[in-house]
Every structure is written in C-alpha cells, then in structure tokens.
Amino acid sequence: MGCPRILLADDRHEMLREISELLESEFEIVAALQTGGLIEAALHLDPDLIVLDISMPIVNGMTAA
C-alpha cells in the first residue's frame, strides 16, 4: 500500500502551500483547492483523507463534511 492520499481545501493560498509543505513528505497530495469544487473533487479523486478549512466562503468545512 502506498502513502495515504490527501485532498486539501482552504481559501487562502498561503495556508494551502504551508500545509502541503508539511504533509508532502509523508502523504500524496492529490489536490489543493482554493475555491469551489471540493465535493466534486472528493468524489472524483477518492482521497483517504480530506483536510479542509472550516470557514471557507463558498462551501464551508462543516457543510462539506
């Protein structure tokens, strides 16, 4: 089995970059989304884990979860 596959979602580019840098050595980042398309991407990419911002403007983390 390979590394766990992670989908990241945050409305701030800087935060996505920092989280990606922290996790990329241990996980496969399948996507890092800044706006919209989170639910569709999750269904299409089938990640093992989704790390998301709870207060995003289009679809917040609570609604998406």
PDB file of N, CA and C in Angstrom:
ATOM      1  N   MET A   1       0.847  -1.185   0.000  1.00  0.00           N
ATOM      2  CA  MET A   1       0.000   0.000   0.000  1.00  0.00           C
ATOM      3  C   MET A   1       0.886   1.239   0.000  1.00  0.00           C
ATOM      4  N   GLY A   2       0.525   2.246  -0.848  1.00  0.00           N
ATOM      5  CA  GLY A   2       1.303   3.478  -0.943  1.00  0.00           C
ATOM      6  C   GLY A   2       0.962   4.448   0.167  1.00  0.00           C
ATOM      7  N   CYS A   3       1.447   5.665   0.018  1.00  0.00           N
ATOM      8  CA  CYS A   3       1.149   6.691   1.020  1.00  0.00           C
ATOM      9  C   CYS A   3      -0.331   7.039   0.974  1.00  0.00           C
ATOM     10  N   PRO A   4      -0.858   7.446   2.103  1.00  0.00           N
ATOM     11  CA  PRO A   4      -2.246   7.915   2.127  1.00  0.00           C
ATOM     12  C   PRO A   4      -2.408   9.126   1.204  1.00  0.00           C
ATOM     13  N   ARG A   5      -3.540   9.187   0.533  1.00  0.00           N
ATOM     14  CA  ARG A   5      -3.844  10.250  -0.424  1.00  0.00           C
ATOM     15  C   ARG A   5      -4.698  11.307   0.270  1.00  0.00           C
ATOM     16  N   ILE A   6      -4.263  12.572   0.161  1.00  0.00           N
ATOM     17  CA  ILE A   6      -4.934  13.665   0.874  1.00  0.00           C
ATOM     18  C   ILE A   6      -5.404  14.739  -0.108  1.00  0.00           C
ATOM     19  N   LEU A   7      -6.608  15.230   0.136  1.00  0.00           N
ATOM     20  CA  LEU A   7      -7.161  16.379  -0.575  1.00  0.00           C
ATOM     21  C   LEU A   7      -7.162  17.539   0.406  1.00  0.00           C
ATOM     22  N   LEU A   8      -6.601  18.672  -0.005  1.00  0.00           N
ATOM     23  CA  LEU A   8      -6.546  19.869   0.843  1.00  0.00           C
ATOM     24  C   LEU A   8      -7.499  20.921   0.296  1.00  0.00           C
ATOM     25  N   ALA A   9      -8.135  21.663   1.189  1.00  0.00           N
ATOM     26  CA  ALA A   9      -9.010  22.758   0.772  1.00  0.00           C
ATOM     27  C   ALA A   9      -8.917  23.897   1.781  1.00  0.00           C
ATOM     28  N   ASP A  10      -8.570  25.066   1.282  1.00  0.00           N
ATOM     29  CA  ASP A  10      -8.502  26.275   2.103  1.00  0.00           C
ATOM     30  C   ASP A  10      -8.622  27.463   1.163  1.00  0.00           C
ATOM     31  N   ASP A  11      -9.308  28.517   1.571  1.00  0.00           N
ATOM     32  CA  ASP A  11      -9.479  29.674   0.701  1.00  0.00           C
ATOM     33  C   ASP A  11      -8.244  30.565   0.652  1.00  0.00           C
ATOM     34  N   ARG A  12      -7.242  30.288   1.468  1.00  0.00           N
ATOM     35  CA  ARG A  12      -6.013  31.096   1.469  1.00  0.00           C
ATOM     36  C   ARG A  12      -4.857  30.302   0.858  1.00  0.00           C
ATOM     37  N   HIS A  13      -4.313  30.850  -0.212  1.00  0.00           N
ATOM     38  CA  HIS A  13      -3.218  30.193  -0.938  1.00  0.00           C
ATOM     39  C   HIS A  13      -2.024  29.909  -0.025  1.00  0.00           C
ATOM     40  N   GLU A  14      -1.672  30.854   0.831  1.00  0.00           N
ATOM     41  CA  GLU A  14      -0.519  30.682   1.710  1.00  0.00           C
ATOM     42  C   GLU A  14      -0.699  29.483   2.649  1.00  0.00           C
ATOM     43  N   MET A  15      -1.902  29.312   3.162  1.00  0.00           N
ATOM     44  CA  MET A  15      -2.177  28.200   4.065  1.00  0.00           C
ATOM     45  C   MET A  15      -2.084  26.872   3.313  1.00  0.00           C
ATOM     46  N   LEU A  16      -2.626  26.811   2.101  1.00  0.00           N
ATOM     47  CA  LEU A  16      -2.509  25.591   1.295  1.00  0.00           C
ATOM     48  C   LEU A  16      -1.051  25.230   1.060  1.00  0.00           C
ATOM     49  N   ARG A  17      -0.243  26.223   0.742  1.00  0.00           N
ATOM     50  CA  ARG A  17       1.181  25.993   0.497  1.00  0.00           C
ATOM     51  C   ARG A  17       1.865  25.464   1.751  1.00  0.00           C
ATOM     52  N   GLU A  18       1.591  26.075   2.890  1.00  0.00           N
ATOM     53  CA  GLU A  18       2.235  25.644   4.143  1.00  0.00           C
ATOM     54  C   GLU A  18       1.807  24.227   4.541  1.00  0.00           C
ATOM     55  N   ILE A  19       0.521  23.932   4.428  1.00  0.00           N
ATOM     56  CA  ILE A  19       0.041  22.593   4.771  1.00  0.00           C
ATOM     57  C   ILE A  19       0.637  21.559   3.811  1.00  0.00           C
ATOM     58  N   SER A  20       0.667  21.885   2.527  1.00  0.00           N
ATOM     59  CA  SER A  20       1.263  20.980   1.540  1.00  0.00           C
ATOM     60  C   SER A  20       2.711  20.680   1.874  1.00  0.00           C
ATOM     61  N   GLU A  21       3.467  21.708   2.205  1.00  0.00           N
ATOM     62  CA  GLU A  21       4.878  21.526   2.544  1.00  0.00           C
ATOM     63  C   GLU A  21       5.044  20.643   3.779  1.00  0.00           C
ATOM     64  N   LEU A  22       4.166  20.786   4.751  1.00  0.00           N
ATOM     65  CA  LEU A  22       4.243  19.964   5.963  1.00  0.00           C
ATOM     66  C   LEU A  22       3.927  18.496   5.696  1.00  0.00           C
ATOM     67  N   LEU A  23       3.003  18.245   4.789  1.00  0.00           N
ATOM     68  CA  LEU A  23       2.500  16.888   4.603  1.00  0.00           C
ATOM     69  C   LEU A  23       3.099  16.114   3.430  1.00  0.00           C
ATOM     70  N   GLU A  24       3.690  16.818   2.455  1.00  0.00           N
ATOM     71  CA  GLU A  24       4.088  16.160   1.218  1.00  0.00           C
ATOM     72  C   GLU A  24       5.144  15.068   1.363  1.00  0.00           C
ATOM     73  N   SER A  25       5.916  15.071   2.421  1.00  0.00           N
ATOM     74  CA  SER A  25       6.926  14.022   2.578  1.00  0.00           C
ATOM     75  C   SER A  25       6.319  12.706   3.061  1.00  0.00           C
ATOM     76  N   GLU A  26       5.149  12.755   3.661  1.00  0.00           N
ATOM     77  CA  GLU A  26       4.522  11.555   4.208  1.00  0.00           C
ATOM     78  C   GLU A  26       3.241  11.140   3.481  1.00  0.00           C
ATOM     79  N   PHE A  27       2.662  12.059   2.690  1.00  0.00           N
ATOM     80  CA  PHE A  27       1.378  11.805   2.053  1.00  0.00           C
ATOM     81  C   PHE A  27       1.421  12.216   0.592  1.00  0.00           C
ATOM     82  N   GLU A  28       0.534  11.640  -0.198  1.00  0.00           N
ATOM     83  CA  GLU A  28       0.364  12.058  -1.580  1.00  0.00           C
ATOM     84  C   GLU A  28      -0.747  13.106  -1.598  1.00  0.00           C
ATOM     85  N   ILE A  29      -0.407  14.331  -1.982  1.00  0.00           N
ATOM     86  CA  ILE A  29      -1.399  15.406  -2.068  1.00  0.00           C
ATOM     87  C   ILE A  29      -2.060  15.270  -3.443  1.00  0.00           C
ATOM     88  N   VAL A  30      -3.315  14.828  -3.482  1.00  0.00           N
ATOM     89  CA  VAL A  30      -3.990  14.613  -4.762  1.00  0.00           C
ATOM     90  C   VAL A  30      -4.544  15.910  -5.343  1.00  0.00           C
ATOM     91  N   ALA A  31      -4.821  16.888  -4.491  1.00  0.00           N
ATOM     92  CA  ALA A  31      -5.280  18.202  -4.942  1.00  0.00           C
ATOM     93  C   ALA A  31      -5.224  19.175  -3.777  1.00  0.00           C
ATOM     94  N   ALA A  32      -5.037  20.450  -4.122  1.00  0.00           N
ATOM     95  CA  ALA A  32      -5.079  21.536  -3.141  1.00  0.00           C
ATOM     96  C   ALA A  32      -5.996  22.598  -3.735  1.00  0.00           C
ATOM     97  N   LEU A  33      -7.202  22.672  -3.216  1.00  0.00           N
ATOM     98  CA  LEU A  33      -8.229  23.546  -3.776  1.00  0.00           C
ATOM     99  C   LEU A  33      -8.379  24.819  -2.965  1.00  0.00           C
ATOM    100  N   GLN A  34      -8.491  25.934  -3.689  1.00  0.00           N
ATOM    101  CA  GLN A  34      -8.658  27.218  -3.026  1.00  0.00           C
ATOM    102  C   GLN A  34     -10.105  27.682  -3.069  1.00  0.00           C
ATOM    103  N   THR A  35     -10.816  27.375  -4.110  1.00  0.00           N
ATOM    104  CA  THR A  35     -12.224  27.773  -4.207  1.00  0.00           C
ATOM    105  C   THR A  35     -13.035  26.695  -4.892  1.00  0.00           C
ATOM    106  N   GLY A  36     -14.256  26.537  -4.482  1.00  0.00           N
ATOM    107  CA  GLY A  36     -15.219  25.653  -5.133  1.00  0.00           C
ATOM    108  C   GLY A  36     -14.718  24.294  -5.593  1.00  0.00           C
ATOM    109  N   GLY A  37     -15.636  23.425  -5.923  1.00  0.00           N
ATOM    110  CA  GLY A  37     -15.321  22.126  -6.473  1.00  0.00           C
ATOM    111  C   GLY A  37     -14.855  21.088  -5.471  1.00  0.00           C
ATOM    112  N   LEU A  38     -14.931  21.396  -4.194  1.00  0.00           N
ATOM    113  CA  LEU A  38     -14.442  20.483  -3.163  1.00  0.00           C
ATOM    114  C   LEU A  38     -15.179  19.149  -3.178  1.00  0.00           C
ATOM    115  N   ILE A  39     -16.480  19.192  -3.173  1.00  0.00           N
ATOM    116  CA  ILE A  39     -17.261  17.957  -3.107  1.00  0.00           C
ATOM    117  C   ILE A  39     -17.058  17.135  -4.372  1.00  0.00           C
ATOM    118  N   GLU A  40     -17.073  17.778  -5.526  1.00  0.00           N
ATOM    119  CA  GLU A  40     -16.856  17.077  -6.783  1.00  0.00           C
ATOM    120  C   GLU A  40     -15.468  16.451  -6.827  1.00  0.00           C
ATOM    121  N   ALA A  41     -14.454  17.197  -6.379  1.00  0.00           N
ATOM    122  CA  ALA A  41     -13.081  16.682  -6.369  1.00  0.00           C
ATOM    123  C   ALA A  41     -12.956  15.489  -5.428  1.00  0.00           C
ATOM    124  N   ALA A  42     -13.598  15.571  -4.277  1.00  0.00           N
ATOM    125  CA  ALA A  42     -13.544  14.468  -3.323  1.00  0.00           C
ATOM    126  C   ALA A  42     -14.171  13.211  -3.917  1.00  0.00           C
ATOM    127  N   LEU A  43     -15.283  13.360  -4.598  1.00  0.00           N
ATOM    128  CA  LEU A  43     -15.943  12.208  -5.211  1.00  0.00           C
ATOM    129  C   LEU A  43     -15.108  11.633  -6.352  1.00  0.00           C
ATOM    130  N   HIS A  44     -14.499  12.487  -7.136  1.00  0.00           N
ATOM    131  CA  HIS A  44     -13.715  12.054  -8.299  1.00  0.00           C
ATOM    132  C   HIS A  44     -12.357  11.468  -7.895  1.00  0.00           C
ATOM    133  N   LEU A  45     -11.668  12.118  -6.957  1.00  0.00           N
ATOM    134  CA  LEU A  45     -10.306  11.706  -6.589  1.00  0.00           C
ATOM    135  C   LEU A  45     -10.256  10.616  -5.529  1.00  0.00           C
ATOM    136  N   ASP A  46     -11.330  10.458  -4.775  1.00  0.00           N
ATOM    137  CA  ASP A  46     -11.444   9.427  -3.738  1.00  0.00           C
ATOM    138  C   ASP A  46     -10.230   9.411  -2.792  1.00  0.00           C
ATOM    139  N   PRO A  47      -9.942  10.545  -2.123  1.00  0.00           N
ATOM    140  CA  PRO A  47      -8.797  10.585  -1.208  1.00  0.00           C
ATOM    141  C   PRO A  47      -9.057   9.773   0.055  1.00  0.00           C
ATOM    142  N   ASP A  48      -7.987   9.417   0.740  1.00  0.00           N
ATOM    143  CA  ASP A  48      -8.105   8.720   2.015  1.00  0.00           C
ATOM    144  C   ASP A  48      -8.491   9.687   3.132  1.00  0.00           C
ATOM    145  N   LEU A  49      -8.095  10.941   2.974  1.00  0.00           N
ATOM    146  CA  LEU A  49      -8.322  11.960   4.000  1.00  0.00           C
ATOM    147  C   LEU A  49      -8.525  13.311   3.334  1.00  0.00           C
ATOM    148  N   ILE A  50      -9.395  14.128   3.902  1.00  0.00           N
ATOM    149  CA  ILE A  50      -9.605  15.500   3.428  1.00  0.00           C
ATOM    150  C   ILE A  50      -9.286  16.440   4.582  1.00  0.00           C
ATOM    151  N   VAL A  51      -8.377  17.366   4.327  1.00  0.00           N
ATOM    152  CA  VAL A  51      -8.028  18.392   5.316  1.00  0.00           C
ATOM    153  C   VAL A  51      -8.613  19.686   4.777  1.00  0.00           C
ATOM    154  N   LEU A  52      -9.580  20.261   5.521  1.00  0.00           N
ATOM    155  CA  LEU A  52     -10.232  21.446   4.990  1.00  0.00           C
ATOM    156  C   LEU A  52     -10.423  22.529   6.029  1.00  0.00           C
ATOM    157  N   ASP A  53     -10.511  23.733   5.501  1.00  0.00           N
ATOM    158  CA  ASP A  53     -10.750  24.932   6.304  1.00  0.00           C
ATOM    159  C   ASP A  53     -12.223  24.948   6.698  1.00  0.00           C
ATOM    160  N   ILE A  54     -12.488  25.172   7.946  1.00  0.00           N
ATOM    161  CA  ILE A  54     -13.867  25.169   8.421  1.00  0.00           C
ATOM    162  C   ILE A  54     -14.632  26.430   8.010  1.00  0.00           C
ATOM    163  N   SER A  55     -13.918  27.504   7.659  1.00  0.00           N
ATOM    164  CA  SER A  55     -14.614  28.766   7.363  1.00  0.00           C
ATOM    165  C   SER A  55     -14.342  29.275   5.949  1.00  0.00           C
ATOM    166  N   MET A  56     -14.501  28.437   4.962  1.00  0.00           N
ATOM    167  CA  MET A  56     -14.347  28.873   3.569  1.00  0.00           C
ATOM    168  C   MET A  56     -15.625  29.551   3.112  1.00  0.00           C
ATOM    169  N   PRO A  57     -15.544  30.506   2.179  1.00  0.00           N
ATOM    170  CA  PRO A  57     -16.707  31.291   1.806  1.00  0.00           C
ATOM    171  C   PRO A  57     -17.741  30.586   0.928  1.00  0.00           C
ATOM    172  N   ILE A  58     -17.363  29.732  -0.012  1.00  0.00           N
ATOM    173  CA  ILE A  58     -18.336  29.139  -0.927  1.00  0.00           C
ATOM    174  C   ILE A  58     -19.040  27.950  -0.280  1.00  0.00           C
ATOM    175  N   VAL A  59     -18.280  26.947   0.083  1.00  0.00           N
ATOM    176  CA  VAL A  59     -18.795  25.797   0.851  1.00  0.00           C
ATOM    177  C   VAL A  59     -17.903  25.662   2.055  1.00  0.00           C
ATOM    178  N   ASN A  60     -18.429  25.981   3.237  1.00  0.00           N
ATOM    179  CA  ASN A  60     -17.574  25.915   4.430  1.00  0.00           C
ATOM    180  C   ASN A  60     -17.290  24.465   4.803  1.00  0.00           C
ATOM    181  N   GLY A  61     -16.301  24.268   5.634  1.00  0.00           N
ATOM    182  CA  GLY A  61     -15.869  22.935   6.015  1.00  0.00           C
ATOM    183  C   GLY A  61     -16.936  22.095   6.671  1.00  0.00           C
ATOM    184  N   MET A  62     -17.769  22.691   7.476  1.00  0.00           N
ATOM    185  CA  MET A  62     -18.826  21.947   8.157  1.00  0.00           C
ATOM    186  C   MET A  62     -19.855  21.420   7.145  1.00  0.00           C
ATOM    187  N   THR A  63     -20.239  22.234   6.200  1.00  0.00           N
ATOM    188  CA  THR A  63     -21.192  21.812   5.184  1.00  0.00           C
ATOM    189  C   THR A  63     -20.591  20.715   4.300  1.00  0.00           C
ATOM    190  N   ALA A  64     -19.351  20.909   3.897  1.00  0.00           N
ATOM    191  CA  ALA A  64     -18.690  19.920   3.042  1.00  0.00           C
ATOM    192  C   ALA A  64     -18.536  18.580   3.753  1.00  0.00           C
ATOM    193  N   ALA A  65     -18.184  18.618   5.039  1.00  0.00           N
ATOM    194  CA  ALA A  65     -18.013  17.368   5.789  1.00  0.00           C
ATOM    195  C   ALA A  65     -19.317  16.649   5.917  1.00  0.00           C
TER     196      ALA A  65
END
